[in-house]
Amino acid sequence: MTKLKVIVTTTINPPTQAIKKFEQMEGWELIVVGDLKTPEPYSLEHGRYVSPAMQEKYDKSLSDAIGWNCIQRRNFGLLWAKDMGADIVAVVDDDNIPYHFWGRNLMVGREVEVNFFETELPAFDPVGATNEKHLWHRGYPLQLIPKRDYSKKRQKRFQADVQADFWNGDPDVDAICRMEHAPQCQFEESYFPMASNRIAPFNSQNTFLSATVLKDYFLFPHVGRMDDIWAAYYVQAKGVRVVFGKASVYQNRNTHDLVENMKQEYLGYENNLKIVEQVAKDPECIIKYLPSRSAEAFRLYRRHF
């Protein structure tokens, strides 16, 4: 049986080079979720545009709880994909230009051979396991960076519910890392695929999800740039397994104010270590780190499942 595969993204820009490439992907449906700043009419050749008015009509309470002018409008795209009957959902950013092999030979739901890392730390950093060892993934607890140890590695058969692919060019590192190193990366393919015995940060910019994950996968609003990171920690604590794949996009990163990025990441700098230490024992402890409006949005989102 052919699986329904859906790409979900948000944007405040006219159709970018990346979006134009994603809507041409054979075997995939594209959903673009609009925001108040998104220029309309928004013209797509093959994709589906979900306007602010459509989102309000779909669930006004959820819309109000998430708020506007934020990437977490993407949650409506996850719900749209669920309602379409998607089997696999790819969550992407509009500045991640896909390579020709993007979305092919997916590892989600099938057993594959991986480089499997075991660590005693409460979390695994996949970026440090590559040829870019001086960098770290956005959302990885800063206190653990000097303690990372990749010496315990073996080959293992592994079946994942989530495939988090990497990104050449400007990688998904935090503002501190970006200000210090200004990285432009070419990740060597030999390091992939990889997985670990511990939870790990993964993002919502080049990630493939089994539909079975969607009920628990929610991009938390009102927590700055920790929205997808805390979502990743939460679903893994609930038993979701992630495999990291080779870079399948080139990130030509949109313009960002790195100081503003750092401010939006501070909640993570302060709490990520506590979360990774606690969430594996009690996944629902994530709620105490959320503003009440965010926790309410999560509750409203889950009503749809």
C-alpha atoms as a PDB file:
ATOM      1  CA  MET A   1       0.000   0.000   0.000  1.00  0.00           C
ATOM      2  CA  THR A   2       1.322   3.439  -0.925  1.00  0.00           C
ATOM      3  CA  LYS A   3       1.945   5.627   2.096  1.00  0.00           C
ATOM      4  CA  LEU A   4       0.643   9.179   2.203  1.00  0.00           C
ATOM      5  CA  LYS A   5       3.572  11.511   2.861  1.00  0.00           C
ATOM      6  CA  VAL A   6       2.978  15.141   3.763  1.00  0.00           C
ATOM      7  CA  ILE A   7       5.419  18.056   4.108  1.00  0.00           C
ATOM      8  CA  VAL A   8       4.514  20.741   6.663  1.00  0.00           C
ATOM      9  CA  THR A   9       6.068  24.177   6.931  1.00  0.00           C
ATOM     10  CA  THR A  10       5.328  27.747   7.945  1.00  0.00           C
ATOM     11  CA  THR A  11       6.502  30.958   6.345  1.00  0.00           C
ATOM     12  CA  ILE A  12       6.153  34.726   6.424  1.00  0.00           C
ATOM     13  CA  ASN A  13       7.826  35.017   3.016  1.00  0.00           C
ATOM     14  CA  PRO A  14       6.619  34.645  -0.555  1.00  0.00           C
ATOM     15  CA  PRO A  15       7.373  31.137  -1.882  1.00  0.00           C
ATOM     16  CA  THR A  16      11.112  30.627  -1.352  1.00  0.00           C
ATOM     17  CA  GLN A  17      13.495  28.494  -3.385  1.00  0.00           C
ATOM     18  CA  ALA A  18      13.120  25.756  -0.794  1.00  0.00           C
ATOM     19  CA  ILE A  19       9.320  25.781  -0.851  1.00  0.00           C
ATOM     20  CA  LYS A  20       9.294  25.701  -4.653  1.00  0.00           C
ATOM     21  CA  LYS A  21      11.489  22.616  -4.537  1.00  0.00           C
ATOM     22  CA  PHE A  22       9.438  20.931  -1.817  1.00  0.00           C
ATOM     23  CA  GLU A  23       6.194  21.337  -3.737  1.00  0.00           C
ATOM     24  CA  GLN A  24       7.773  19.538  -6.696  1.00  0.00           C
ATOM     25  CA  MET A  25       8.750  16.498  -4.615  1.00  0.00           C
ATOM     26  CA  GLU A  26       7.307  13.404  -6.228  1.00  0.00           C
ATOM     27  CA  GLY A  27       5.167  11.375  -3.860  1.00  0.00           C
ATOM     28  CA  TRP A  28       4.749  14.176  -1.324  1.00  0.00           C
ATOM     29  CA  GLU A  29       1.953  16.628  -0.520  1.00  0.00           C
ATOM     30  CA  LEU A  30       2.926  20.105   0.723  1.00  0.00           C
ATOM     31  CA  ILE A  31       1.090  22.123   3.372  1.00  0.00           C
ATOM     32  CA  VAL A  32       2.179  25.722   4.004  1.00  0.00           C
ATOM     33  CA  VAL A  33       0.715  27.254   7.161  1.00  0.00           C
ATOM     34  CA  GLY A  34       0.297  31.000   6.982  1.00  0.00           C
ATOM     35  CA  ASP A  35       0.717  33.664   9.642  1.00  0.00           C
ATOM     36  CA  LEU A  36      -0.462  37.254   9.839  1.00  0.00           C
ATOM     37  CA  LYS A  37       2.737  38.409   8.104  1.00  0.00           C
ATOM     38  CA  THR A  38       2.489  35.890   5.262  1.00  0.00           C
ATOM     39  CA  PRO A  39       1.822  37.719   1.979  1.00  0.00           C
ATOM     40  CA  GLU A  40      -1.512  36.845   0.424  1.00  0.00           C
ATOM     41  CA  PRO A  41      -2.599  35.684  -2.039  1.00  0.00           C
ATOM     42  CA  TYR A  42      -0.032  32.944  -1.463  1.00  0.00           C
ATOM     43  CA  SER A  43       0.486  31.111  -4.726  1.00  0.00           C
ATOM     44  CA  LEU A  44       1.520  27.456  -4.891  1.00  0.00           C
ATOM     45  CA  GLU A  45       1.555  25.251  -7.975  1.00  0.00           C
ATOM     46  CA  HIS A  46       0.958  21.959  -6.186  1.00  0.00           C
ATOM     47  CA  GLY A  47       0.816  22.648  -2.467  1.00  0.00           C
ATOM     48  CA  ARG A  48      -1.955  23.605  -0.100  1.00  0.00           C
ATOM     49  CA  TYR A  49      -1.944  26.929   1.727  1.00  0.00           C
ATOM     50  CA  VAL A  50      -3.680  27.082   5.121  1.00  0.00           C
ATOM     51  CA  SER A  51      -4.557  30.721   5.722  1.00  0.00           C
ATOM     52  CA  PRO A  52      -4.969  32.380   9.126  1.00  0.00           C
ATOM     53  CA  ALA A  53      -8.730  32.467   8.560  1.00  0.00           C
ATOM     54  CA  MET A  54      -8.781  28.714   7.894  1.00  0.00           C
ATOM     55  CA  GLN A  55      -6.851  28.071  11.093  1.00  0.00           C
ATOM     56  CA  GLU A  56      -9.243  30.202  13.120  1.00  0.00           C
ATOM     57  CA  LYS A  57     -12.189  28.324  11.678  1.00  0.00           C
ATOM     58  CA  TYR A  58     -10.540  24.974  12.402  1.00  0.00           C
ATOM     59  CA  ASP A  59      -9.918  25.657  16.108  1.00  0.00           C
ATOM     60  CA  LYS A  60     -10.249  29.198  17.413  1.00  0.00           C
ATOM     61  CA  SER A  61      -9.333  28.244  20.983  1.00  0.00           C
ATOM     62  CA  LEU A  62      -6.099  26.567  19.892  1.00  0.00           C
ATOM     63  CA  SER A  63      -5.294  29.498  17.636  1.00  0.00           C
ATOM     64  CA  ASP A  64      -5.724  31.933  20.506  1.00  0.00           C
ATOM     65  CA  ALA A  65      -3.593  29.819  22.838  1.00  0.00           C
ATOM     66  CA  ILE A  66      -0.733  29.574  20.340  1.00  0.00           C
ATOM     67  CA  GLY A  67      -0.867  33.221  19.313  1.00  0.00           C
ATOM     68  CA  TRP A  68       0.270  34.857  16.078  1.00  0.00           C
ATOM     69  CA  ASN A  69       3.582  35.761  14.460  1.00  0.00           C
ATOM     70  CA  CYS A  70       5.294  32.598  15.648  1.00  0.00           C
ATOM     71  CA  ILE A  71       6.603  29.433  14.027  1.00  0.00           C
ATOM     72  CA  GLN A  72       4.353  27.346  16.282  1.00  0.00           C
ATOM     73  CA  ARG A  73       1.471  28.002  13.865  1.00  0.00           C
ATOM     74  CA  ARG A  74       3.087  24.922  12.306  1.00  0.00           C
ATOM     75  CA  ASN A  75       1.037  22.817  14.724  1.00  0.00           C
ATOM     76  CA  PHE A  76      -1.989  23.459  12.517  1.00  0.00           C
ATOM     77  CA  GLY A  77      -0.083  21.857   9.671  1.00  0.00           C
ATOM     78  CA  LEU A  78       0.464  18.745  11.786  1.00  0.00           C
ATOM     79  CA  LEU A  79      -3.277  18.579  12.441  1.00  0.00           C
ATOM     80  CA  TRP A  80      -4.045  19.126   8.741  1.00  0.00           C
ATOM     81  CA  ALA A  81      -1.695  16.275   7.847  1.00  0.00           C
ATOM     82  CA  LYS A  82      -3.320  14.041  10.454  1.00  0.00           C
ATOM     83  CA  ASP A  83      -6.771  14.789   9.047  1.00  0.00           C
ATOM     84  CA  MET A  84      -5.511  13.974   5.537  1.00  0.00           C
ATOM     85  CA  GLY A  85      -4.525  10.533   6.802  1.00  0.00           C
ATOM     86  CA  ALA A  86      -0.781  11.050   6.491  1.00  0.00           C
ATOM     87  CA  ASP A  87       1.447   8.108   7.311  1.00  0.00           C
ATOM     88  CA  ILE A  88       4.660  10.156   7.405  1.00  0.00           C
ATOM     89  CA  VAL A  89       4.979  13.888   8.040  1.00  0.00           C
ATOM     90  CA  ALA A  90       8.095  15.860   7.146  1.00  0.00           C
ATOM     91  CA  VAL A  91       8.524  19.118   9.044  1.00  0.00           C
ATOM     92  CA  VAL A  92      10.745  21.606   7.197  1.00  0.00           C
ATOM     93  CA  ASP A  93      11.849  25.241   7.184  1.00  0.00           C
ATOM     94  CA  ASP A  94      11.503  27.587   4.226  1.00  0.00           C
ATOM     95  CA  ASP A  95      15.264  28.276   4.133  1.00  0.00           C
ATOM     96  CA  ASN A  96      16.359  24.627   3.949  1.00  0.00           C
ATOM     97  CA  ILE A  97      16.955  23.822   0.278  1.00  0.00           C
ATOM     98  CA  PRO A  98      16.476  20.083  -0.299  1.00  0.00           C
ATOM     99  CA  TYR A  99      19.008  17.963  -2.162  1.00  0.00           C
ATOM    100  CA  HIS A 100      17.775  15.757  -5.005  1.00  0.00           C
ATOM    101  CA  PHE A 101      17.684  12.690  -2.725  1.00  0.00           C
ATOM    102  CA  TRP A 102      15.664  14.370   0.030  1.00  0.00           C
ATOM    103  CA  GLY A 103      12.837  12.180   1.350  1.00  0.00           C
ATOM    104  CA  ARG A 104      13.980   9.033  -0.429  1.00  0.00           C
ATOM    105  CA  ASN A 105      14.797   5.720   1.219  1.00  0.00           C
ATOM    106  CA  LEU A 106      13.322   6.864   4.513  1.00  0.00           C
ATOM    107  CA  MET A 107      14.371   4.997   7.631  1.00  0.00           C
ATOM    108  CA  VAL A 108      11.170   5.702   9.579  1.00  0.00           C
ATOM    109  CA  GLY A 109       9.459   2.469  10.548  1.00  0.00           C
ATOM    110  CA  ARG A 110      12.067   0.078   9.186  1.00  0.00           C
ATOM    111  CA  GLU A 111      15.108  -1.563  10.698  1.00  0.00           C
ATOM    112  CA  VAL A 112      18.454  -0.140   9.602  1.00  0.00           C
ATOM    113  CA  GLU A 113      22.094  -0.472  10.583  1.00  0.00           C
ATOM    114  CA  VAL A 114      23.254   2.550  12.609  1.00  0.00           C
ATOM    115  CA  ASN A 115      26.275   3.863  14.443  1.00  0.00           C
ATOM    116  CA  PHE A 116      24.930   3.393  17.950  1.00  0.00           C
ATOM    117  CA  PHE A 117      26.390   5.462  20.775  1.00  0.00           C
ATOM    118  CA  GLU A 118      26.040   4.645  24.450  1.00  0.00           C
ATOM    119  CA  THR A 119      26.572   7.340  27.039  1.00  0.00           C
ATOM    120  CA  GLU A 120      26.098   7.689  30.780  1.00  0.00           C
ATOM    121  CA  LEU A 121      25.120  11.337  30.348  1.00  0.00           C
ATOM    122  CA  PRO A 122      21.400  12.118  30.479  1.00  0.00           C
ATOM    123  CA  ALA A 123      21.400  13.289  26.845  1.00  0.00           C
ATOM    124  CA  PHE A 124      23.233  12.607  23.582  1.00  0.00           C
ATOM    125  CA  ASP A 125      24.500  15.345  21.262  1.00  0.00           C
ATOM    126  CA  PRO A 126      24.489  14.092  17.642  1.00  0.00           C
ATOM    127  CA  VAL A 127      26.451  17.044  16.237  1.00  0.00           C
ATOM    128  CA  GLY A 128      29.500  16.323  18.374  1.00  0.00           C
ATOM    129  CA  ALA A 129      29.573  12.771  17.001  1.00  0.00           C
ATOM    130  CA  THR A 130      30.368  14.055  13.482  1.00  0.00           C
ATOM    131  CA  ASN A 131      33.381  15.664  11.831  1.00  0.00           C
ATOM    132  CA  GLU A 132      32.233  18.983  13.390  1.00  0.00           C
ATOM    133  CA  LYS A 133      33.146  17.907  16.930  1.00  0.00           C
ATOM    134  CA  HIS A 134      33.538  21.445  18.278  1.00  0.00           C
ATOM    135  CA  LEU A 135      29.868  22.261  17.618  1.00  0.00           C
ATOM    136  CA  TRP A 136      26.735  21.169  19.442  1.00  0.00           C
ATOM    137  CA  HIS A 137      23.038  20.892  18.603  1.00  0.00           C
ATOM    138  CA  ARG A 138      20.699  23.699  19.608  1.00  0.00           C
ATOM    139  CA  GLY A 139      19.034  22.705  22.864  1.00  0.00           C
ATOM    140  CA  TYR A 140      21.767  20.398  24.101  1.00  0.00           C
ATOM    141  CA  PRO A 141      22.477  21.273  27.748  1.00  0.00           C
ATOM    142  CA  LEU A 142      25.515  23.558  27.802  1.00  0.00           C
ATOM    143  CA  GLN A 143      26.743  22.033  31.060  1.00  0.00           C
ATOM    144  CA  LEU A 144      27.226  18.671  29.312  1.00  0.00           C
ATOM    145  CA  ILE A 145      29.281  19.902  26.343  1.00  0.00           C
ATOM    146  CA  PRO A 146      32.734  19.362  27.937  1.00  0.00           C
ATOM    147  CA  LYS A 147      31.622  15.947  29.228  1.00  0.00           C
ATOM    148  CA  ARG A 148      30.596  14.480  25.871  1.00  0.00           C
ATOM    149  CA  ASP A 149      32.172  11.091  25.238  1.00  0.00           C
ATOM    150  CA  TYR A 150      31.704   9.187  21.986  1.00  0.00           C
ATOM    151  CA  SER A 151      34.062   6.312  22.767  1.00  0.00           C
ATOM    152  CA  LYS A 152      31.314   3.697  23.210  1.00  0.00           C
ATOM    153  CA  LYS A 153      30.147   3.129  19.645  1.00  0.00           C
ATOM    154  CA  ARG A 154      28.999  -0.025  17.909  1.00  0.00           C
ATOM    155  CA  GLN A 155      26.957  -1.126  14.937  1.00  0.00           C
ATOM    156  CA  LYS A 156      23.376  -1.976  15.771  1.00  0.00           C
ATOM    157  CA  ARG A 157      20.111  -2.769  14.017  1.00  0.00           C
ATOM    158  CA  PHE A 158      17.672  -0.022  14.945  1.00  0.00           C
ATOM    159  CA  GLN A 159      14.087   0.891  14.092  1.00  0.00           C
ATOM    160  CA  ALA A 160      13.019   4.503  14.519  1.00  0.00           C
ATOM    161  CA  ASP A 161       9.771   6.464  14.657  1.00  0.00           C
ATOM    162  CA  VAL A 162      11.531   9.741  13.775  1.00  0.00           C
ATOM    163  CA  GLN A 163      14.286  10.465  11.260  1.00  0.00           C
ATOM    164  CA  ALA A 164      16.056  13.759  11.963  1.00  0.00           C
ATOM    165  CA  ASP A 165      18.211  14.607   8.951  1.00  0.00           C
ATOM    166  CA  PHE A 166      21.140  17.005   9.186  1.00  0.00           C
ATOM    167  CA  TRP A 167      21.749  20.225   7.240  1.00  0.00           C
ATOM    168  CA  ASN A 168      24.846  21.428   5.426  1.00  0.00           C
ATOM    169  CA  GLY A 169      25.668  25.102   5.295  1.00  0.00           C
ATOM    170  CA  ASP A 170      24.521  26.930   8.423  1.00  0.00           C
ATOM    171  CA  PRO A 171      23.708  24.118  10.903  1.00  0.00           C
ATOM    172  CA  ASP A 172      21.141  24.075  13.691  1.00  0.00           C
ATOM    173  CA  VAL A 173      23.328  25.178  16.569  1.00  0.00           C
ATOM    174  CA  ASP A 174      22.473  27.655  19.313  1.00  0.00           C
ATOM    175  CA  ALA A 175      23.297  31.354  19.277  1.00  0.00           C
ATOM    176  CA  ILE A 176      26.320  30.986  21.553  1.00  0.00           C
ATOM    177  CA  CYS A 177      27.805  28.347  19.271  1.00  0.00           C
ATOM    178  CA  ARG A 178      26.997  30.381  16.165  1.00  0.00           C
ATOM    179  CA  MET A 179      28.516  33.593  17.552  1.00  0.00           C
ATOM    180  CA  GLU A 180      31.668  31.762  18.628  1.00  0.00           C
ATOM    181  CA  HIS A 181      32.242  29.620  15.532  1.00  0.00           C
ATOM    182  CA  ALA A 182      30.149  31.110  12.663  1.00  0.00           C
ATOM    183  CA  PRO A 183      29.984  27.579  11.221  1.00  0.00           C
ATOM    184  CA  GLN A 184      29.510  26.602   7.602  1.00  0.00           C
ATOM    185  CA  CYS A 185      29.343  22.830   7.586  1.00  0.00           C
ATOM    186  CA  GLN A 186      29.749  19.928   5.215  1.00  0.00           C
ATOM    187  CA  PHE A 187      28.857  16.912   7.318  1.00  0.00           C
ATOM    188  CA  GLU A 188      30.609  13.733   6.210  1.00  0.00           C
ATOM    189  CA  GLU A 189      28.142  10.983   5.312  1.00  0.00           C
ATOM    190  CA  SER A 190      30.177   8.225   6.966  1.00  0.00           C
ATOM    191  CA  TYR A 191      28.954   9.304  10.417  1.00  0.00           C
ATOM    192  CA  PHE A 192      25.347   8.491   9.536  1.00  0.00           C
ATOM    193  CA  PRO A 193      22.902   7.094  10.325  1.00  0.00           C
ATOM    194  CA  MET A 194      23.366   7.311  14.075  1.00  0.00           C
ATOM    195  CA  ALA A 195      21.318   6.734  17.209  1.00  0.00           C
ATOM    196  CA  SER A 196      21.883   6.552  20.946  1.00  0.00           C
ATOM    197  CA  ASN A 197      20.696   4.994  24.178  1.00  0.00           C
ATOM    198  CA  ARG A 198      19.796   8.467  25.508  1.00  0.00           C
ATOM    199  CA  ILE A 199      17.354  11.158  24.452  1.00  0.00           C
ATOM    200  CA  ALA A 200      18.746  13.783  22.100  1.00  0.00           C
ATOM    201  CA  PRO A 201      17.723  17.166  20.748  1.00  0.00           C
ATOM    202  CA  PHE A 202      16.215  17.185  17.258  1.00  0.00           C
ATOM    203  CA  ASN A 203      14.514  20.026  15.473  1.00  0.00           C
ATOM    204  CA  SER A 204      11.513  20.754  13.284  1.00  0.00           C
ATOM    205  CA  GLN A 205      13.371  21.977  10.205  1.00  0.00           C
ATOM    206  CA  ASN A 206      14.285  18.743   8.401  1.00  0.00           C
ATOM    207  CA  THR A 207      12.618  15.940  10.308  1.00  0.00           C
ATOM    208  CA  PHE A 208      10.419  12.989   9.281  1.00  0.00           C
ATOM    209  CA  LEU A 209       7.778  11.761  11.735  1.00  0.00           C
ATOM    210  CA  SER A 210       5.718   8.626  11.787  1.00  0.00           C
ATOM    211  CA  ALA A 211       2.056   9.596  12.112  1.00  0.00           C
ATOM    212  CA  THR A 212       1.981   7.587  15.334  1.00  0.00           C
ATOM    213  CA  VAL A 213       4.115  10.314  16.926  1.00  0.00           C
ATOM    214  CA  LEU A 214       1.802  13.230  16.121  1.00  0.00           C
ATOM    215  CA  LYS A 215      -0.435  12.979  19.189  1.00  0.00           C
ATOM    216  CA  ASP A 216       2.519  13.662  21.468  1.00  0.00           C
ATOM    217  CA  TYR A 217       4.556  15.876  19.132  1.00  0.00           C
ATOM    218  CA  PHE A 218       3.620  19.498  19.782  1.00  0.00           C
ATOM    219  CA  LEU A 219       5.741  22.566  19.125  1.00  0.00           C
ATOM    220  CA  PHE A 220       5.331  24.398  22.404  1.00  0.00           C
ATOM    221  CA  PRO A 221       4.536  28.119  22.025  1.00  0.00           C
ATOM    222  CA  HIS A 222       5.772  30.835  24.379  1.00  0.00           C
ATOM    223  CA  VAL A 223       9.091  29.132  25.168  1.00  0.00           C
ATOM    224  CA  GLY A 224      11.207  30.887  22.537  1.00  0.00           C
ATOM    225  CA  ARG A 225      13.569  28.710  20.538  1.00  0.00           C
ATOM    226  CA  MET A 226      12.972  25.671  22.725  1.00  0.00           C
ATOM    227  CA  ASP A 227       9.626  24.850  21.070  1.00  0.00           C
ATOM    228  CA  ASP A 228      10.837  21.907  18.978  1.00  0.00           C
ATOM    229  CA  ILE A 229      13.656  20.904  21.342  1.00  0.00           C
ATOM    230  CA  TRP A 230      11.329  20.335  24.275  1.00  0.00           C
ATOM    231  CA  ALA A 231       8.924  18.562  21.906  1.00  0.00           C
ATOM    232  CA  ALA A 232      11.790  16.231  20.986  1.00  0.00           C
ATOM    233  CA  TYR A 233      12.729  15.539  24.593  1.00  0.00           C
ATOM    234  CA  TYR A 234       9.111  14.893  25.493  1.00  0.00           C
ATOM    235  CA  VAL A 235       8.298  12.401  22.727  1.00  0.00           C
ATOM    236  CA  GLN A 236      11.511  10.457  23.315  1.00  0.00           C
ATOM    237  CA  ALA A 237      10.680  10.245  27.008  1.00  0.00           C
ATOM    238  CA  LYS A 238       7.356   8.757  25.891  1.00  0.00           C
ATOM    239  CA  GLY A 239       9.243   6.013  24.057  1.00  0.00           C
ATOM    240  CA  VAL A 240       9.713   7.480  20.565  1.00  0.00           C
ATOM    241  CA  ARG A 241      12.985   6.400  18.932  1.00  0.00           C
ATOM    242  CA  VAL A 242      14.991   8.753  16.724  1.00  0.00           C
ATOM    243  CA  VAL A 243      17.650   8.099  14.109  1.00  0.00           C
ATOM    244  CA  PHE A 244      19.823  10.902  12.738  1.00  0.00           C
ATOM    245  CA  GLY A 245      20.345  10.861   8.984  1.00  0.00           C
ATOM    246  CA  LYS A 246      22.905  12.437   6.692  1.00  0.00           C
ATOM    247  CA  ALA A 247      22.459  16.036   5.565  1.00  0.00           C
ATOM    248  CA  SER A 248      19.643  16.186   3.021  1.00  0.00           C
ATOM    249  CA  VAL A 249      19.262  19.970   2.807  1.00  0.00           C
ATOM    250  CA  TYR A 250      21.456  23.015   2.512  1.00  0.00           C
ATOM    251  CA  GLN A 251      20.452  25.706   4.976  1.00  0.00           C
ATOM    252  CA  ASN A 252      20.753  29.184   3.526  1.00  0.00           C
ATOM    253  CA  ARG A 253      19.647  30.645   6.835  1.00  0.00           C
ATOM    254  CA  ASN A 254      17.235  33.549   6.866  1.00  0.00           C
ATOM    255  CA  THR A 255      18.526  36.737   8.489  1.00  0.00           C
ATOM    256  CA  HIS A 256      18.587  36.471  12.290  1.00  0.00           C
ATOM    257  CA  ASP A 257      19.628  38.726  15.158  1.00  0.00           C
ATOM    258  CA  LEU A 258      21.896  36.386  17.127  1.00  0.00           C
ATOM    259  CA  VAL A 259      21.539  38.345  20.351  1.00  0.00           C
ATOM    260  CA  GLU A 260      17.772  38.067  20.024  1.00  0.00           C
ATOM    261  CA  ASN A 261      18.173  34.350  19.277  1.00  0.00           C
ATOM    262  CA  MET A 262      20.223  34.002  22.460  1.00  0.00           C
ATOM    263  CA  LYS A 263      17.515  35.711  24.490  1.00  0.00           C
ATOM    264  CA  GLN A 264      14.948  33.297  23.036  1.00  0.00           C
ATOM    265  CA  GLU A 265      17.174  30.370  23.988  1.00  0.00           C
ATOM    266  CA  TYR A 266      17.838  31.476  27.557  1.00  0.00           C
ATOM    267  CA  LEU A 267      14.942  29.446  28.940  1.00  0.00           C
ATOM    268  CA  GLY A 268      16.720  26.402  27.571  1.00  0.00           C
ATOM    269  CA  TYR A 269      20.144  27.375  28.892  1.00  0.00           C
ATOM    270  CA  GLU A 270      18.491  27.598  32.287  1.00  0.00           C
ATOM    271  CA  ASN A 271      16.334  24.459  32.184  1.00  0.00           C
ATOM    272  CA  ASN A 272      17.536  21.945  29.571  1.00  0.00           C
ATOM    273  CA  LEU A 273      19.778  20.010  31.932  1.00  0.00           C
ATOM    274  CA  LYS A 274      17.019  19.709  34.526  1.00  0.00           C
ATOM    275  CA  ILE A 275      14.574  18.605  31.847  1.00  0.00           C
ATOM    276  CA  VAL A 276      16.768  15.846  30.389  1.00  0.00           C
ATOM    277  CA  GLU A 277      17.514  14.592  33.894  1.00  0.00           C
ATOM    278  CA  GLN A 278      13.846  14.479  34.883  1.00  0.00           C
ATOM    279  CA  VAL A 279      11.834  13.799  31.761  1.00  0.00           C
ATOM    280  CA  ALA A 280      13.101  10.251  31.199  1.00  0.00           C
ATOM    281  CA  LYS A 281      11.594   9.289  34.571  1.00  0.00           C
ATOM    282  CA  ASP A 282       8.457  11.407  34.256  1.00  0.00           C
ATOM    283  CA  PRO A 283       7.613  12.685  30.747  1.00  0.00           C
ATOM    284  CA  GLU A 284       4.757  14.830  32.028  1.00  0.00           C
ATOM    285  CA  CYS A 285       7.161  16.882  34.140  1.00  0.00           C
ATOM    286  CA  ILE A 286       7.665  18.961  30.993  1.00  0.00           C
ATOM    287  CA  ILE A 287       4.392  20.705  31.836  1.00  0.00           C
ATOM    288  CA  LYS A 288       5.877  22.460  34.873  1.00  0.00           C
ATOM    289  CA  TYR A 289       8.421  24.189  32.616  1.00  0.00           C
ATOM    290  CA  LEU A 290       5.715  25.582  30.335  1.00  0.00           C
ATOM    291  CA  PRO A 291       3.834  28.854  30.738  1.00  0.00           C
ATOM    292  CA  SER A 292       0.169  28.151  31.458  1.00  0.00           C
ATOM    293  CA  ARG A 293      -0.869  29.368  27.995  1.00  0.00           C
ATOM    294  CA  SER A 294       1.514  26.871  26.389  1.00  0.00           C
ATOM    295  CA  ALA A 295       0.258  23.996  28.527  1.00  0.00           C
ATOM    296  CA  GLU A 296      -3.312  24.926  27.587  1.00  0.00           C
ATOM    297  CA  ALA A 297      -2.379  24.976  23.890  1.00  0.00           C
ATOM    298  CA  PHE A 298      -0.929  21.470  24.242  1.00  0.00           C
ATOM    299  CA  ARG A 299      -4.163  20.261  25.846  1.00  0.00           C
ATOM    300  CA  LEU A 300      -6.255  21.798  23.080  1.00  0.00           C
ATOM    301  CA  TYR A 301      -4.014  20.300  20.398  1.00  0.00           C
ATOM    302  CA  ARG A 302      -4.351  16.810  21.852  1.00  0.00           C
ATOM    303  CA  ARG A 303      -8.153  17.014  21.775  1.00  0.00           C
ATOM    304  CA  HIS A 304      -7.891  16.348  18.039  1.00  0.00           C
ATOM    305  CA  PHE A 305      -6.546  12.811  18.568  1.00  0.00           C
END
